PDB file of N, CA and C in Angstrom:
ATOM      1  N   MET A   1      58.245 106.977   4.732  1.00  0.00           N
ATOM      2  CA  MET A   1      58.319 107.253   3.322  1.00  0.00           C
ATOM      3  C   MET A   1      58.134 105.876   2.579  1.00  0.00           C
ATOM      4  N   ALA A   2      57.195 105.821   1.713  1.00  0.00           N
ATOM      5  CA  ALA A   2      56.850 104.620   0.999  1.00  0.00           C
ATOM      6  C   ALA A   2      57.687 104.498  -0.313  1.00  0.00           C
ATOM      7  N   ALA A   3      57.982 103.289  -0.727  1.00  0.00           N
ATOM      8  CA  ALA A   3      58.757 103.057  -1.940  1.00  0.00           C
ATOM      9  C   ALA A   3      57.856 103.208  -3.128  1.00  0.00           C
ATOM     10  N   SER A   4      58.402 103.689  -4.201  1.00  0.00           N
ATOM     11  CA  SER A   4      57.641 103.833  -5.444  1.00  0.00           C
ATOM     12  C   SER A   4      57.441 102.448  -6.100  1.00  0.00           C
ATOM     13  N   PRO A   5      56.414 102.284  -6.881  1.00  0.00           N
ATOM     14  CA  PRO A   5      56.166 100.981  -7.528  1.00  0.00           C
ATOM     15  C   PRO A   5      57.342 100.551  -8.378  1.00  0.00           C
ATOM     16  N   GLU A   6      58.046 101.543  -9.057  1.00  0.00           N
ATOM     17  CA  GLU A   6      59.227 101.157  -9.810  1.00  0.00           C
ATOM     18  C   GLU A   6      60.311 100.557  -8.989  1.00  0.00           C
ATOM     19  N   HIS A   7      60.472 101.161  -7.820  1.00  0.00           N
ATOM     20  CA  HIS A   7      61.560 100.646  -6.917  1.00  0.00           C
ATOM     21  C   HIS A   7      61.175  99.263  -6.407  1.00  0.00           C
ATOM     22  N   LEU A   8      59.904  98.974  -6.143  1.00  0.00           N
ATOM     23  CA  LEU A   8      59.474  97.679  -5.692  1.00  0.00           C
ATOM     24  C   LEU A   8      59.678  96.627  -6.768  1.00  0.00           C
ATOM     25  N   GLU A   9      59.472  96.968  -8.029  1.00  0.00           N
ATOM     26  CA  GLU A   9      59.691  96.030  -9.102  1.00  0.00           C
ATOM     27  C   GLU A   9      61.147  95.653  -9.287  1.00  0.00           C
ATOM     28  N   THR A  10      61.997  96.601  -9.100  1.00  0.00           N
ATOM     29  CA  THR A  10      63.473  96.290  -9.144  1.00  0.00           C
ATOM     30  C   THR A  10      63.930  95.430  -7.967  1.00  0.00           C
ATOM     31  N   MET A  11      63.291  95.639  -6.844  1.00  0.00           N
ATOM     32  CA  MET A  11      63.673  94.846  -5.666  1.00  0.00           C
ATOM     33  C   MET A  11      63.178  93.397  -5.791  1.00  0.00           C
ATOM     34  N   GLY A  12      62.175  93.180  -6.581  1.00  0.00           N
ATOM     35  CA  GLY A  12      61.627  91.853  -6.735  1.00  0.00           C
ATOM     36  C   GLY A  12      62.598  90.860  -7.297  1.00  0.00           C
ATOM     37  N   SER A  13      63.585  91.309  -8.058  1.00  0.00           N
ATOM     38  CA  SER A  13      64.553  90.374  -8.611  1.00  0.00           C
ATOM     39  C   SER A  13      65.653  90.058  -7.583  1.00  0.00           C
ATOM     40  N   ASP A  14      65.781  90.859  -6.574  1.00  0.00           N
ATOM     41  CA  ASP A  14      66.805  90.623  -5.559  1.00  0.00           C
ATOM     42  C   ASP A  14      66.408  89.409  -4.660  1.00  0.00           C
ATOM     43  N   ILE A  15      65.152  89.232  -4.414  1.00  0.00           N
ATOM     44  CA  ILE A  15      64.710  88.153  -3.505  1.00  0.00           C
ATOM     45  C   ILE A  15      64.984  86.772  -4.083  1.00  0.00           C
ATOM     46  N   PRO A  16      64.617  86.482  -5.315  1.00  0.00           N
ATOM     47  CA  PRO A  16      65.000  85.156  -5.878  1.00  0.00           C
ATOM     48  C   PRO A  16      66.483  84.966  -5.942  1.00  0.00           C
ATOM     49  N   HIS A  17      67.220  85.995  -6.258  1.00  0.00           N
ATOM     50  CA  HIS A  17      68.678  85.908  -6.359  1.00  0.00           C
ATOM     51  C   HIS A  17      69.253  85.555  -4.971  1.00  0.00           C
ATOM     52  N   ALA A  18      68.760  86.155  -3.944  1.00  0.00           N
ATOM     53  CA  ALA A  18      69.208  85.916  -2.574  1.00  0.00           C
ATOM     54  C   ALA A  18      68.825  84.504  -2.165  1.00  0.00           C
ATOM     55  N   LEU A  19      67.634  84.061  -2.514  1.00  0.00           N
ATOM     56  CA  LEU A  19      67.220  82.685  -2.150  1.00  0.00           C
ATOM     57  C   LEU A  19      68.047  81.639  -2.860  1.00  0.00           C
ATOM     58  N   ILE A  20      68.421  81.858  -4.085  1.00  0.00           N
ATOM     59  CA  ILE A  20      69.268  80.914  -4.790  1.00  0.00           C
ATOM     60  C   ILE A  20      70.678  80.869  -4.171  1.00  0.00           C
ATOM     61  N   GLY A  21      71.176  81.995  -3.824  1.00  0.00           N
ATOM     62  CA  GLY A  21      72.488  82.062  -3.147  1.00  0.00           C
ATOM     63  C   GLY A  21      72.477  81.375  -1.811  1.00  0.00           C
ATOM     64  N   LEU A  22      71.391  81.559  -1.044  1.00  0.00           N
ATOM     65  CA  LEU A  22      71.254  80.918   0.258  1.00  0.00           C
ATOM     66  C   LEU A  22      71.122  79.401   0.081  1.00  0.00           C
ATOM     67  N   THR A  23      70.396  78.984  -0.899  1.00  0.00           N
ATOM     68  CA  THR A  23      70.238  77.491  -1.154  1.00  0.00           C
ATOM     69  C   THR A  23      71.609  76.888  -1.520  1.00  0.00           C
ATOM     70  N   LEU A  24      72.365  77.603  -2.359  1.00  0.00           N
ATOM     71  CA  LEU A  24      73.738  77.051  -2.690  1.00  0.00           C
ATOM     72  C   LEU A  24      74.595  76.976  -1.459  1.00  0.00           C
ATOM     73  N   LEU A  25      74.568  78.019  -0.626  1.00  0.00           N
ATOM     74  CA  LEU A  25      75.410  77.993   0.598  1.00  0.00           C
ATOM     75  C   LEU A  25      75.017  76.882   1.544  1.00  0.00           C
ATOM     76  N   ILE A  26      73.725  76.650   1.657  1.00  0.00           N
ATOM     77  CA  ILE A  26      73.224  75.545   2.543  1.00  0.00           C
ATOM     78  C   ILE A  26      73.636  74.205   1.928  1.00  0.00           C
ATOM     79  N   GLY A  27      73.608  74.096   0.626  1.00  0.00           N
ATOM     80  CA  GLY A  27      74.038  72.831  -0.057  1.00  0.00           C
ATOM     81  C   GLY A  27      75.502  72.555   0.209  1.00  0.00           C
ATOM     82  N   ILE A  28      76.312  73.616   0.121  1.00  0.00           N
ATOM     83  CA  ILE A  28      77.772  73.465   0.382  1.00  0.00           C
ATOM     84  C   ILE A  28      77.990  73.055   1.817  1.00  0.00           C
ATOM     85  N   LEU A  29      77.238  73.664   2.722  1.00  0.00           N
ATOM     86  CA  LEU A  29      77.351  73.376   4.139  1.00  0.00           C
ATOM     87  C   LEU A  29      77.006  71.868   4.413  1.00  0.00           C
ATOM     88  N   VAL A  30      75.957  71.425   3.802  1.00  0.00           N
ATOM     89  CA  VAL A  30      75.524  70.001   3.959  1.00  0.00           C
ATOM     90  C   VAL A  30      76.615  69.074   3.427  1.00  0.00           C
ATOM     91  N   LEU A  31      77.176  69.372   2.290  1.00  0.00           N
ATOM     92  CA  LEU A  31      78.196  68.510   1.711  1.00  0.00           C
ATOM     93  C   LEU A  31      79.479  68.538   2.546  1.00  0.00           C
ATOM     94  N   ASN A  32      79.739  69.601   3.219  1.00  0.00           N
ATOM     95  CA  ASN A  32      80.916  69.697   4.087  1.00  0.00           C
ATOM     96  C   ASN A  32      80.722  68.900   5.388  1.00  0.00           C
ATOM     97  N   ILE A  33      79.541  68.792   5.815  1.00  0.00           N
ATOM     98  CA  ILE A  33      79.242  68.083   7.075  1.00  0.00           C
ATOM     99  C   ILE A  33      79.076  66.581   6.731  1.00  0.00           C
ATOM    100  N   TYR A  34      78.305  66.279   5.740  1.00  0.00           N
ATOM    101  CA  TYR A  34      78.043  64.853   5.382  1.00  0.00           C
ATOM    102  C   TYR A  34      78.953  64.484   4.231  1.00  0.00           C
ATOM    103  N   LYS A  35      79.930  63.631   4.485  1.00  0.00           N
ATOM    104  CA  LYS A  35      80.881  63.213   3.471  1.00  0.00           C
ATOM    105  C   LYS A  35      80.723  61.695   3.284  1.00  0.00           C
ATOM    106  N   PRO A  36      80.200  61.278   2.183  1.00  0.00           N
ATOM    107  CA  PRO A  36      80.078  59.800   1.977  1.00  0.00           C
ATOM    108  C   PRO A  36      81.435  59.111   1.991  1.00  0.00           C
ATOM    109  N   ARG A  37      81.522  57.974   2.627  1.00  0.00           N
ATOM    110  CA  ARG A  37      82.784  57.253   2.693  1.00  0.00           C
ATOM    111  C   ARG A  37      83.124  56.681   1.323  1.00  0.00           C
ATOM    112  N   GLY A  38      84.416  56.676   1.033  1.00  0.00           N
ATOM    113  CA  GLY A  38      84.925  56.116  -0.246  1.00  0.00           C
ATOM    114  C   GLY A  38      84.626  56.949  -1.472  1.00  0.00           C
ATOM    115  N   LEU A  39      84.290  58.192  -1.280  1.00  0.00           N
ATOM    116  CA  LEU A  39      84.013  59.022  -2.439  1.00  0.00           C
ATOM    117  C   LEU A  39      85.293  59.435  -3.180  1.00  0.00           C
ATOM    118  N   THR A  40      86.367  59.605  -2.499  1.00  0.00           N
ATOM    119  CA  THR A  40      87.614  60.011  -3.136  1.00  0.00           C
ATOM    120  C   THR A  40      88.559  58.804  -3.230  1.00  0.00           C
ATOM    121  N   ARG A  41      89.570  58.935  -4.046  1.00  0.00           N
ATOM    122  CA  ARG A  41      90.550  57.869  -4.220  1.00  0.00           C
ATOM    123  C   ARG A  41      91.266  57.614  -2.894  1.00  0.00           C
ATOM    124  N   TYR A  42      91.522  58.681  -2.176  1.00  0.00           N
ATOM    125  CA  TYR A  42      92.222  58.572  -0.870  1.00  0.00           C
ATOM    126  C   TYR A  42      91.343  57.733   0.119  1.00  0.00           C
ATOM    127  N   GLY A  43      90.070  58.009   0.163  1.00  0.00           N
ATOM    128  CA  GLY A  43      89.196  57.282   1.052  1.00  0.00           C
ATOM    129  C   GLY A  43      89.066  55.822   0.610  1.00  0.00           C
ATOM    130  N   TRP A  44      89.061  55.582  -0.711  1.00  0.00           N
ATOM    131  CA  TRP A  44      88.929  54.212  -1.195  1.00  0.00           C
ATOM    132  C   TRP A  44      90.198  53.453  -0.887  1.00  0.00           C
ATOM    133  N   ARG A  45      91.387  54.038  -1.061  1.00  0.00           N
ATOM    134  CA  ARG A  45      92.633  53.398  -0.719  1.00  0.00           C
ATOM    135  C   ARG A  45      92.745  53.095   0.776  1.00  0.00           C
ATOM    136  N   ARG A  46      92.332  54.043   1.573  1.00  0.00           N
ATOM    137  CA  ARG A  46      92.429  53.875   3.014  1.00  0.00           C
ATOM    138  C   ARG A  46      91.469  52.748   3.501  1.00  0.00           C
ATOM    139  N   GLU A  47      90.294  52.735   2.915  1.00  0.00           N
ATOM    140  CA  GLU A  47      89.336  51.660   3.305  1.00  0.00           C
ATOM    141  C   GLU A  47      89.843  50.289   2.867  1.00  0.00           C
ATOM    142  N   ARG A  48      90.469  50.223   1.640  1.00  0.00           N
ATOM    143  CA  ARG A  48      90.986  48.984   1.095  1.00  0.00           C
ATOM    144  C   ARG A  48      92.129  48.511   1.969  1.00  0.00           C
ATOM    145  N   ALA A  49      93.016  49.438   2.405  1.00  0.00           N
ATOM    146  CA  ALA A  49      94.147  49.066   3.223  1.00  0.00           C
ATOM    147  C   ALA A  49      93.713  48.529   4.596  1.00  0.00           C
ATOM    148  N   ALA A  50      92.644  49.058   5.079  1.00  0.00           N
ATOM    149  CA  ALA A  50      92.147  48.612   6.380  1.00  0.00           C
ATOM    150  C   ALA A  50      91.552  47.218   6.307  1.00  0.00           C
ATOM    151  N   ARG A  51      91.005  46.823   5.139  1.00  0.00           N
ATOM    152  CA  ARG A  51      90.385  45.545   4.979  1.00  0.00           C
ATOM    153  C   ARG A  51      91.454  44.435   4.714  1.00  0.00           C
ATOM    154  N   THR A  52      92.518  44.748   4.044  1.00  0.00           N
ATOM    155  CA  THR A  52      93.512  43.722   3.676  1.00  0.00           C
ATOM    156  C   THR A  52      94.512  43.567   4.882  1.00  0.00           C
ATOM    157  N   PRO A  53      94.829  42.314   5.251  1.00  0.00           N
ATOM    158  CA  PRO A  53      95.752  42.160   6.335  1.00  0.00           C
ATOM    159  C   PRO A  53      97.188  42.464   5.840  1.00  0.00           C
ATOM    160  N   THR A  54      97.953  42.996   6.739  1.00  0.00           N
ATOM    161  CA  THR A  54      99.357  43.344   6.382  1.00  0.00           C
ATOM    162  C   THR A  54     100.163  42.013   6.469  1.00  0.00           C
ATOM    163  N   PRO A  55     101.076  41.835   5.505  1.00  0.00           N
ATOM    164  CA  PRO A  55     101.892  40.620   5.564  1.00  0.00           C
ATOM    165  C   PRO A  55     102.871  40.731   6.734  1.00  0.00           C
ATOM    166  N   THR A  56     103.077  39.655   7.430  1.00  0.00           N
ATOM    167  CA  THR A  56     104.030  39.603   8.519  1.00  0.00           C
ATOM    168  C   THR A  56     105.287  38.948   8.049  1.00  0.00           C
ATOM    169  N   SER A  57     106.389  39.471   8.444  1.00  0.00           N
ATOM    170  CA  SER A  57     107.667  38.914   8.052  1.00  0.00           C
ATOM    171  C   SER A  57     108.007  37.781   9.001  1.00  0.00           C
ATOM    172  N   PRO A  58     108.616  36.728   8.518  1.00  0.00           N
ATOM    173  CA  PRO A  58     108.962  35.621   9.421  1.00  0.00           C
ATOM    174  C   PRO A  58     110.019  36.044  10.435  1.00  0.00           C
ATOM    175  N   SER A  59     109.872  35.567  11.625  1.00  0.00           N
ATOM    176  CA  SER A  59     110.819  36.002  12.684  1.00  0.00           C
ATOM    177  C   SER A  59     112.126  35.118  12.500  1.00  0.00           C
ATOM    178  N   PRO A  60     113.278  35.763  12.660  1.00  0.00           N
ATOM    179  CA  PRO A  60     114.507  34.984  12.528  1.00  0.00           C
ATOM    180  C   PRO A  60     114.700  34.027  13.699  1.00  0.00           C
ATOM    181  N   THR A  61     115.085  32.831  13.412  1.00  0.00           N
ATOM    182  CA  THR A  61     115.357  31.859  14.450  1.00  0.00           C
ATOM    183  C   THR A  61     116.853  31.652  14.527  1.00  0.00           C
ATOM    184  N   THR A  62     117.375  31.662  15.723  1.00  0.00           N
ATOM    185  CA  THR A  62     118.814  31.454  15.882  1.00  0.00           C
ATOM    186  C   THR A  62     119.109  30.267  16.730  1.00  0.00           C
TER     187      THR A  62
END
């Protein structure tokens, strides 16, 4: 059974909508896999803490 031309015209809007949704999902997937370092405040603080040496306390002498 073949689809009527009116039905095919209404289906035409579904394809771009599905492609846009798929593109958004792939974009989210890429951002979840590739995370640039230092993008958040937490990453910036953690990187900064790793670069600065921790102060050492003087050892007590007896």
